[in-house]
Amino acid sequence: MRMHKSAWPHLVCGMALSLPPLLLFTACGTVEPPAQRATVTLPVLEGDLALGKEVYQRDCQQCHQIQIGLNKKGPHLDRIYGATAAALADYQGRYSQALKQSGWTWDAVTLDTYIADPDQALPNGKMLADPLTDPIERAALIAYLSTLRSTDQPTASQSQ
C-alpha cells in the first residue's frame, strides 16, 4: 500500500506518541555539542595582525591555545570568530552557567565588549583576565582571532 507524502508527518507523530514517555523525552531535544567549532563564515577582519598575535601571546596564551582540542584553563580559540559561545564539546563541563545562558555569538562587537572587561560584560563568568582597556589592542586581537580558521582535525593527543 502506498501512502501519499503528506501522510508521513502524521504517521511519524502518531508513532512518536505511542512511545513510552521516558524514551520519547530522551530521544527528543538532546543536542550534542560539536566536537569542534564550525567553519568560520564571517569575513576576516582588517587590522594589525602582528599586534593582535602579540596581544594574544602576552594576554591570552597562558589560558587559551589556538589548536583544536588543546584546552587549558580556557577553551581553544580556533574558529572562535563567529562561533556560538559555550558550545564546544571537549570543554562543555567547564563553561560557566552564565556563558552557557548568554546566547552570545563571538562576533567583533561581543568579543570587544567581553575582552574589554570580562567581569562587567558577564557577571558570574569564569574568565580570570584583567580588562584589556586599549581599544587598539582589542581591535588587533579580534582581527587576529578572526584569522584562526584551521581545517585540521584534532589528533588523539590533542583531544585528551
N, C-alpha and C. Protein backbone atom coordinates (compact mmCIF):
# COMPACT_ATOMS: atom_id res chain seq x y z
N MET A 1 0.84 -1.17 0.00
CA MET A 1 0.00 0.00 0.00
C MET A 1 0.89 1.24 0.00
N ARG A 2 0.63 2.14 -0.91
CA ARG A 2 1.42 3.37 -0.99
C ARG A 2 0.71 4.48 -0.25
N MET A 3 1.50 5.30 0.44
CA MET A 3 0.94 6.45 1.16
C MET A 3 1.34 7.72 0.44
N HIS A 4 0.47 8.69 0.50
CA HIS A 4 0.78 10.00 -0.04
C HIS A 4 1.83 10.64 0.87
N LYS A 5 2.74 11.45 0.28
CA LYS A 5 3.81 12.09 1.05
C LYS A 5 3.29 12.87 2.24
N SER A 6 2.16 13.50 2.11
CA SER A 6 1.63 14.34 3.19
C SER A 6 1.16 13.52 4.39
N ALA A 7 1.03 12.21 4.24
CA ALA A 7 0.61 11.37 5.36
C ALA A 7 1.76 11.03 6.29
N TRP A 8 3.01 11.12 5.82
CA TRP A 8 4.16 10.76 6.62
C TRP A 8 4.28 11.53 7.92
N PRO A 9 4.13 12.86 7.94
CA PRO A 9 4.26 13.56 9.22
C PRO A 9 3.26 13.06 10.26
N HIS A 10 2.05 12.76 9.83
CA HIS A 10 1.03 12.27 10.77
C HIS A 10 1.37 10.88 11.29
N LEU A 11 1.89 10.04 10.40
CA LEU A 11 2.30 8.70 10.80
C LEU A 11 3.45 8.77 11.81
N VAL A 12 4.45 9.59 11.53
CA VAL A 12 5.60 9.73 12.43
C VAL A 12 5.16 10.28 13.77
N CYS A 13 4.31 11.31 13.77
CA CYS A 13 3.82 11.87 15.03
C CYS A 13 3.02 10.83 15.81
N GLY A 14 2.22 10.07 15.13
CA GLY A 14 1.44 9.04 15.80
C GLY A 14 2.33 7.98 16.41
N MET A 15 3.37 7.60 15.70
CA MET A 15 4.32 6.62 16.23
C MET A 15 5.04 7.19 17.44
N ALA A 16 5.44 8.46 17.38
CA ALA A 16 6.16 9.07 18.50
C ALA A 16 5.28 9.13 19.73
N LEU A 17 3.99 9.39 19.54
CA LEU A 17 3.09 9.47 20.69
C LEU A 17 2.88 8.12 21.34
N SER A 18 3.13 7.04 20.59
CA SER A 18 2.94 5.72 21.16
C SER A 18 4.17 5.21 21.91
N LEU A 19 5.28 5.96 21.85
CA LEU A 19 6.49 5.56 22.59
C LEU A 19 6.30 5.78 24.08
N PRO A 20 6.96 4.98 24.90
CA PRO A 20 6.92 5.24 26.34
C PRO A 20 7.47 6.65 26.61
N PRO A 21 6.90 7.39 27.56
CA PRO A 21 7.31 8.77 27.80
C PRO A 21 8.81 8.94 28.04
N LEU A 22 9.44 8.07 28.79
CA LEU A 22 10.87 8.22 29.05
C LEU A 22 11.67 8.13 27.76
N LEU A 23 11.34 7.19 26.91
CA LEU A 23 12.03 7.03 25.64
C LEU A 23 11.80 8.25 24.75
N LEU A 24 10.60 8.76 24.75
CA LEU A 24 10.27 9.92 23.94
C LEU A 24 11.10 11.13 24.37
N PHE A 25 11.22 11.37 25.68
CA PHE A 25 11.96 12.54 26.15
C PHE A 25 13.46 12.39 25.98
N THR A 26 13.99 11.20 26.05
CA THR A 26 15.43 11.04 25.88
C THR A 26 15.83 11.13 24.41
N ALA A 27 14.93 10.85 23.51
CA ALA A 27 15.25 10.89 22.09
C ALA A 27 15.07 12.28 21.49
N CYS A 28 14.30 13.12 22.13
CA CYS A 28 14.00 14.43 21.57
C CYS A 28 14.67 15.53 22.39
N GLY A 29 15.07 16.57 21.72
CA GLY A 29 15.56 17.75 22.41
C GLY A 29 16.99 17.66 22.90
N THR A 30 17.63 16.53 22.75
CA THR A 30 19.02 16.42 23.18
C THR A 30 19.91 16.72 21.99
N VAL A 31 20.66 17.78 22.10
CA VAL A 31 21.57 18.15 21.03
C VAL A 31 22.98 18.06 21.58
N GLU A 32 23.77 17.21 20.98
CA GLU A 32 25.16 17.06 21.41
C GLU A 32 25.95 18.26 20.92
N PRO A 33 26.79 18.83 21.77
CA PRO A 33 27.64 19.93 21.31
C PRO A 33 28.66 19.41 20.30
N PRO A 34 29.12 20.28 19.41
CA PRO A 34 30.07 19.83 18.39
C PRO A 34 31.44 19.52 18.98
N ALA A 35 32.14 18.60 18.35
CA ALA A 35 33.49 18.25 18.78
C ALA A 35 34.47 19.37 18.46
N GLN A 36 34.15 20.15 17.46
CA GLN A 36 34.94 21.33 17.13
C GLN A 36 34.00 22.37 16.55
N ARG A 37 34.46 23.59 16.52
CA ARG A 37 33.60 24.65 16.01
C ARG A 37 33.45 24.54 14.50
N ALA A 38 32.33 25.03 14.02
CA ALA A 38 32.05 25.01 12.59
C ALA A 38 33.02 25.93 11.85
N THR A 39 33.12 25.73 10.57
CA THR A 39 33.94 26.59 9.72
C THR A 39 33.46 28.03 9.85
N VAL A 40 34.40 28.95 9.93
CA VAL A 40 34.06 30.37 10.07
C VAL A 40 33.53 30.88 8.74
N THR A 41 32.38 31.54 8.79
CA THR A 41 31.79 32.09 7.58
C THR A 41 31.88 33.61 7.53
N LEU A 42 32.20 34.24 8.65
CA LEU A 42 32.36 35.69 8.67
C LEU A 42 33.66 36.07 7.97
N PRO A 43 33.70 37.24 7.34
CA PRO A 43 34.96 37.65 6.69
C PRO A 43 36.05 37.95 7.71
N VAL A 44 37.28 37.75 7.31
CA VAL A 44 38.43 38.11 8.15
C VAL A 44 38.41 39.62 8.34
N LEU A 45 38.66 40.05 9.55
CA LEU A 45 38.68 41.49 9.84
C LEU A 45 40.02 42.09 9.46
N GLU A 46 39.98 43.33 9.02
CA GLU A 46 41.22 44.05 8.76
C GLU A 46 41.75 44.56 10.08
N GLY A 47 43.05 44.58 10.21
CA GLY A 47 43.66 45.08 11.43
C GLY A 47 45.13 44.74 11.48
N ASP A 48 45.75 45.15 12.54
CA ASP A 48 47.17 44.92 12.76
C ASP A 48 47.34 43.50 13.32
N LEU A 49 47.50 42.54 12.42
CA LEU A 49 47.56 41.13 12.82
C LEU A 49 48.81 40.83 13.65
N ALA A 50 49.91 41.49 13.36
CA ALA A 50 51.12 41.27 14.15
C ALA A 50 50.90 41.72 15.60
N LEU A 51 50.28 42.87 15.77
CA LEU A 51 49.96 43.35 17.12
C LEU A 51 48.95 42.40 17.77
N GLY A 52 47.96 41.95 17.02
CA GLY A 52 46.96 41.03 17.56
C GLY A 52 47.57 39.74 18.05
N LYS A 53 48.51 39.20 17.29
CA LYS A 53 49.19 37.97 17.70
C LYS A 53 50.02 38.23 18.95
N GLU A 54 50.67 39.39 19.00
CA GLU A 54 51.46 39.76 20.18
C GLU A 54 50.58 39.88 21.42
N VAL A 55 49.41 40.50 21.28
CA VAL A 55 48.48 40.64 22.40
C VAL A 55 47.99 39.26 22.84
N TYR A 56 47.66 38.40 21.86
CA TYR A 56 47.25 37.03 22.18
C TYR A 56 48.35 36.33 22.98
N GLN A 57 49.58 36.39 22.51
CA GLN A 57 50.67 35.70 23.19
C GLN A 57 50.92 36.28 24.59
N ARG A 58 50.78 37.57 24.74
CA ARG A 58 51.03 38.22 26.02
C ARG A 58 49.89 38.02 27.02
N ASP A 59 48.64 38.13 26.55
CA ASP A 59 47.50 38.17 27.46
C ASP A 59 46.59 36.95 27.44
N CYS A 60 46.64 36.15 26.41
CA CYS A 60 45.65 35.07 26.27
C CYS A 60 46.23 33.66 26.29
N GLN A 61 47.45 33.53 25.76
CA GLN A 61 48.03 32.22 25.51
C GLN A 61 48.21 31.35 26.74
N GLN A 62 48.39 31.95 27.90
CA GLN A 62 48.59 31.10 29.08
C GLN A 62 47.34 30.29 29.42
N CYS A 63 46.17 30.75 29.00
CA CYS A 63 44.92 30.02 29.27
C CYS A 63 44.26 29.45 28.01
N HIS A 64 44.50 30.05 26.86
CA HIS A 64 43.84 29.65 25.61
C HIS A 64 44.86 29.30 24.54
N GLN A 65 44.78 28.08 24.02
CA GLN A 65 45.59 27.68 22.87
C GLN A 65 44.78 27.95 21.60
N ILE A 66 45.44 27.86 20.46
CA ILE A 66 44.70 28.06 19.21
C ILE A 66 44.47 26.75 18.47
N GLN A 67 45.11 25.66 18.89
CA GLN A 67 44.95 24.38 18.21
C GLN A 67 43.69 23.68 18.68
N ILE A 68 42.99 23.08 17.72
CA ILE A 68 41.78 22.30 18.02
C ILE A 68 42.12 21.22 19.04
N GLY A 69 41.31 21.12 20.07
CA GLY A 69 41.47 20.07 21.07
C GLY A 69 42.44 20.38 22.19
N LEU A 70 43.19 21.45 22.08
CA LEU A 70 44.15 21.79 23.14
C LEU A 70 43.52 22.83 24.06
N ASN A 71 42.82 22.36 25.05
CA ASN A 71 42.20 23.24 26.02
C ASN A 71 43.06 23.30 27.27
N LYS A 72 43.17 24.49 27.81
CA LYS A 72 43.89 24.69 29.07
C LYS A 72 42.86 25.14 30.09
N LYS A 73 43.15 26.24 30.78
CA LYS A 73 42.16 26.80 31.70
C LYS A 73 40.94 27.27 30.93
N GLY A 74 41.18 27.74 29.72
CA GLY A 74 40.10 28.18 28.84
C GLY A 74 40.07 27.32 27.59
N PRO A 75 38.96 27.35 26.85
CA PRO A 75 38.87 26.54 25.63
C PRO A 75 39.79 27.07 24.53
N HIS A 76 40.14 26.20 23.59
CA HIS A 76 40.97 26.65 22.47
C HIS A 76 40.20 27.70 21.67
N LEU A 77 40.93 28.50 20.92
CA LEU A 77 40.32 29.63 20.21
C LEU A 77 40.22 29.43 18.71
N ASP A 78 40.58 28.27 18.19
CA ASP A 78 40.45 28.05 16.76
C ASP A 78 38.99 28.16 16.36
N ARG A 79 38.73 28.91 15.32
CA ARG A 79 37.38 29.14 14.78
C ARG A 79 36.44 29.80 15.80
N ILE A 80 36.98 30.56 16.72
CA ILE A 80 36.15 31.23 17.72
C ILE A 80 35.30 32.33 17.10
N TYR A 81 35.86 33.01 16.08
CA TYR A 81 35.18 34.15 15.48
C TYR A 81 33.93 33.68 14.73
N GLY A 82 32.79 34.13 15.17
CA GLY A 82 31.51 33.74 14.57
C GLY A 82 30.86 32.54 15.23
N ALA A 83 31.53 31.95 16.21
CA ALA A 83 31.01 30.74 16.88
C ALA A 83 30.04 31.09 17.99
N THR A 84 29.19 30.16 18.31
CA THR A 84 28.28 30.28 19.45
C THR A 84 29.09 30.08 20.72
N ALA A 85 28.87 30.93 21.69
CA ALA A 85 29.58 30.84 22.97
C ALA A 85 29.19 29.57 23.71
N ALA A 86 30.15 28.98 24.40
CA ALA A 86 29.94 27.84 25.30
C ALA A 86 29.38 26.61 24.61
N ALA A 87 29.83 26.36 23.38
CA ALA A 87 29.25 25.24 22.63
C ALA A 87 30.26 24.19 22.20
N LEU A 88 31.43 24.19 22.76
CA LEU A 88 32.47 23.26 22.35
C LEU A 88 32.43 22.01 23.23
N ALA A 89 32.25 20.86 22.63
CA ALA A 89 32.04 19.61 23.37
C ALA A 89 33.16 19.27 24.33
N ASP A 90 34.41 19.42 23.88
CA ASP A 90 35.51 18.99 24.73
C ASP A 90 35.85 19.97 25.84
N TYR A 91 35.04 20.99 25.99
CA TYR A 91 35.20 21.94 27.10
C TYR A 91 33.88 22.11 27.85
N GLN A 92 32.86 21.45 27.40
CA GLN A 92 31.47 21.67 27.84
C GLN A 92 31.27 21.79 29.34
N GLY A 93 31.83 20.90 30.12
CA GLY A 93 31.58 20.92 31.56
C GLY A 93 32.27 22.04 32.31
N ARG A 94 33.14 22.77 31.65
CA ARG A 94 33.90 23.80 32.34
C ARG A 94 33.41 25.22 32.05
N TYR A 95 32.48 25.39 31.12
CA TYR A 95 31.94 26.73 30.87
C TYR A 95 31.10 27.17 32.07
N SER A 96 31.09 28.46 32.33
CA SER A 96 30.23 28.97 33.40
C SER A 96 28.77 28.89 32.96
N GLN A 97 27.90 28.78 33.92
CA GLN A 97 26.46 28.77 33.63
C GLN A 97 26.06 30.09 32.96
N ALA A 98 26.68 31.18 33.38
CA ALA A 98 26.38 32.49 32.80
C ALA A 98 26.70 32.51 31.31
N LEU A 99 27.84 31.95 30.91
CA LEU A 99 28.20 31.94 29.49
C LEU A 99 27.29 30.99 28.72
N LYS A 100 26.98 29.84 29.31
CA LYS A 100 26.07 28.90 28.64
C LYS A 100 24.71 29.53 28.36
N GLN A 101 24.27 30.39 29.25
CA GLN A 101 22.95 31.01 29.10
C GLN A 101 22.98 32.35 28.37
N SER A 102 24.16 32.79 27.96
CA SER A 102 24.30 34.12 27.36
C SER A 102 23.65 34.24 25.98
N GLY A 103 23.64 33.17 25.21
CA GLY A 103 23.13 33.24 23.86
C GLY A 103 24.05 34.01 22.91
N TRP A 104 25.26 34.24 23.33
CA TRP A 104 26.20 35.05 22.56
C TRP A 104 26.76 34.30 21.35
N THR A 105 27.10 35.09 20.35
CA THR A 105 27.91 34.66 19.23
C THR A 105 29.16 35.51 19.28
N TRP A 106 30.31 34.89 19.12
CA TRP A 106 31.58 35.61 19.24
C TRP A 106 31.89 36.38 17.96
N ASP A 107 31.20 37.50 17.79
CA ASP A 107 31.48 38.41 16.68
C ASP A 107 32.34 39.55 17.21
N ALA A 108 32.65 40.52 16.35
CA ALA A 108 33.55 41.62 16.74
C ALA A 108 33.00 42.42 17.92
N VAL A 109 31.71 42.69 17.92
CA VAL A 109 31.12 43.50 19.00
C VAL A 109 31.13 42.74 20.32
N THR A 110 30.72 41.49 20.29
CA THR A 110 30.67 40.69 21.52
C THR A 110 32.08 40.47 22.07
N LEU A 111 33.01 40.11 21.21
CA LEU A 111 34.39 39.92 21.66
C LEU A 111 34.96 41.21 22.25
N ASP A 112 34.72 42.33 21.59
CA ASP A 112 35.24 43.60 22.07
C ASP A 112 34.68 43.93 23.46
N THR A 113 33.39 43.77 23.63
CA THR A 113 32.76 44.04 24.92
C THR A 113 33.30 43.12 26.00
N TYR A 114 33.44 41.84 25.65
CA TYR A 114 33.87 40.84 26.62
C TYR A 114 35.32 41.03 27.05
N ILE A 115 36.23 41.20 26.09
CA ILE A 115 37.63 41.30 26.48
C ILE A 115 37.98 42.67 27.05
N ALA A 116 37.12 43.66 26.80
CA ALA A 116 37.34 44.97 27.42
C ALA A 116 37.22 44.86 28.93
N ASP A 117 36.27 44.05 29.40
CA ASP A 117 36.10 43.82 30.83
C ASP A 117 35.21 42.59 31.03
N PRO A 118 35.81 41.41 31.10
CA PRO A 118 35.02 40.17 31.21
C PRO A 118 34.05 40.15 32.40
N ASP A 119 34.46 40.67 33.55
CA ASP A 119 33.59 40.64 34.72
C ASP A 119 32.37 41.54 34.56
N GLN A 120 32.55 42.68 33.93
CA GLN A 120 31.43 43.59 33.71
C GLN A 120 30.51 43.06 32.61
N ALA A 121 31.10 42.53 31.55
CA ALA A 121 30.30 42.03 30.43
C ALA A 121 29.50 40.78 30.81
N LEU A 122 30.07 39.93 31.66
CA LEU A 122 29.42 38.68 32.03
C LEU A 122 29.62 38.40 33.51
N PRO A 123 28.81 39.03 34.36
CA PRO A 123 28.91 38.71 35.79
C PRO A 123 28.72 37.21 36.00
N ASN A 124 29.45 36.66 36.93
CA ASN A 124 29.42 35.23 37.26
C ASN A 124 30.05 34.35 36.19
N GLY A 125 30.85 34.95 35.32
CA GLY A 125 31.61 34.17 34.36
C GLY A 125 32.86 33.63 35.03
N LYS A 126 33.60 32.81 34.30
CA LYS A 126 34.79 32.18 34.87
C LYS A 126 36.10 32.73 34.34
N MET A 127 36.07 33.60 33.33
CA MET A 127 37.33 34.06 32.76
C MET A 127 38.05 34.96 33.74
N LEU A 128 39.25 34.54 34.11
CA LEU A 128 40.06 35.29 35.05
C LEU A 128 41.10 36.09 34.28
N ALA A 129 40.68 37.20 33.75
CA ALA A 129 41.60 38.03 32.97
C ALA A 129 41.38 39.49 33.34
N ASP A 130 42.45 40.22 33.33
CA ASP A 130 42.34 41.65 33.53
C ASP A 130 41.67 42.25 32.31
N PRO A 131 40.95 43.34 32.49
CA PRO A 131 40.36 44.02 31.33
C PRO A 131 41.45 44.45 30.35
N LEU A 132 41.16 44.33 29.09
CA LEU A 132 42.06 44.82 28.05
C LEU A 132 41.49 46.17 27.62
N THR A 133 42.00 47.22 28.22
CA THR A 133 41.39 48.54 28.10
C THR A 133 41.77 49.29 26.83
N ASP A 134 42.86 48.93 26.18
CA ASP A 134 43.31 49.64 24.98
C ASP A 134 42.48 49.19 23.77
N PRO A 135 41.66 50.09 23.20
CA PRO A 135 40.81 49.70 22.06
C PRO A 135 41.61 49.31 20.82
N ILE A 136 42.81 49.85 20.65
CA ILE A 136 43.65 49.48 19.50
C ILE A 136 44.14 48.04 19.66
N GLU A 137 44.55 47.67 20.86
CA GLU A 137 44.97 46.28 21.11
C GLU A 137 43.79 45.32 20.98
N ARG A 138 42.62 45.72 21.48
CA ARG A 138 41.44 44.85 21.35
C ARG A 138 41.10 44.62 19.88
N ALA A 139 41.10 45.69 19.09
CA ALA A 139 40.77 45.56 17.66
C ALA A 139 41.78 44.66 16.96
N ALA A 140 43.05 44.80 17.30
CA ALA A 140 44.09 43.96 16.69
C ALA A 140 43.91 42.50 17.11
N LEU A 141 43.62 42.27 18.38
CA LEU A 141 43.41 40.90 18.86
C LEU A 141 42.22 40.26 18.16
N ILE A 142 41.14 40.98 18.05
CA ILE A 142 39.93 40.45 17.41
C ILE A 142 40.20 40.16 15.93
N ALA A 143 40.94 41.05 15.26
CA ALA A 143 41.31 40.79 13.86
C ALA A 143 42.14 39.51 13.77
N TYR A 144 43.07 39.34 14.70
CA TYR A 144 43.89 38.12 14.73
C TYR A 144 43.01 36.88 14.96
N LEU A 145 42.10 36.96 15.92
CA LEU A 145 41.21 35.83 16.20
C LEU A 145 40.35 35.49 14.98
N SER A 146 40.01 36.50 14.18
CA SER A 146 39.18 36.24 13.00
C SER A 146 39.93 35.46 11.93
N THR A 147 41.26 35.36 12.04
CA THR A 147 42.06 34.60 11.06
C THR A 147 42.22 33.14 11.45
N LEU A 148 41.85 32.77 12.66
CA LEU A 148 42.06 31.40 13.15
C LEU A 148 40.98 30.49 12.58
N ARG A 149 41.30 29.85 11.48
CA ARG A 149 40.32 29.07 10.71
C ARG A 149 40.88 27.71 10.31
N SER A 150 41.45 27.01 11.22
CA SER A 150 42.07 25.73 10.93
C SER A 150 41.09 24.78 10.26
N THR A 151 41.61 24.01 9.33
CA THR A 151 40.81 22.94 8.74
C THR A 151 41.28 21.59 9.24
N ASP A 152 42.22 21.62 10.18
CA ASP A 152 42.76 20.38 10.73
C ASP A 152 41.75 19.70 11.64
N GLN A 153 41.85 18.40 11.70
CA GLN A 153 41.06 17.61 12.63
C GLN A 153 41.92 17.41 13.88
N PRO A 154 41.32 17.31 15.06
CA PRO A 154 42.13 17.08 16.26
C PRO A 154 42.79 15.70 16.20
N THR A 155 43.98 15.62 16.74
CA THR A 155 44.66 14.33 16.83
C THR A 155 44.31 13.69 18.16
N ALA A 156 44.63 12.43 18.31
CA ALA A 156 44.33 11.73 19.57
C ALA A 156 45.00 12.42 20.74
N SER A 157 46.24 12.90 20.56
CA SER A 157 46.92 13.56 21.68
C SER A 157 46.32 14.93 21.97
N GLN A 158 45.75 15.59 20.96
CA GLN A 158 45.15 16.91 21.18
C GLN A 158 43.82 16.78 21.89
N SER A 159 43.08 15.72 21.68
CA SER A 159 41.75 15.62 22.24
C SER A 159 41.74 15.06 23.65
N GLN A 160 42.91 14.85 24.23
CA GLN A 160 42.97 14.34 25.61
C GLN A 160 43.24 15.47 26.57
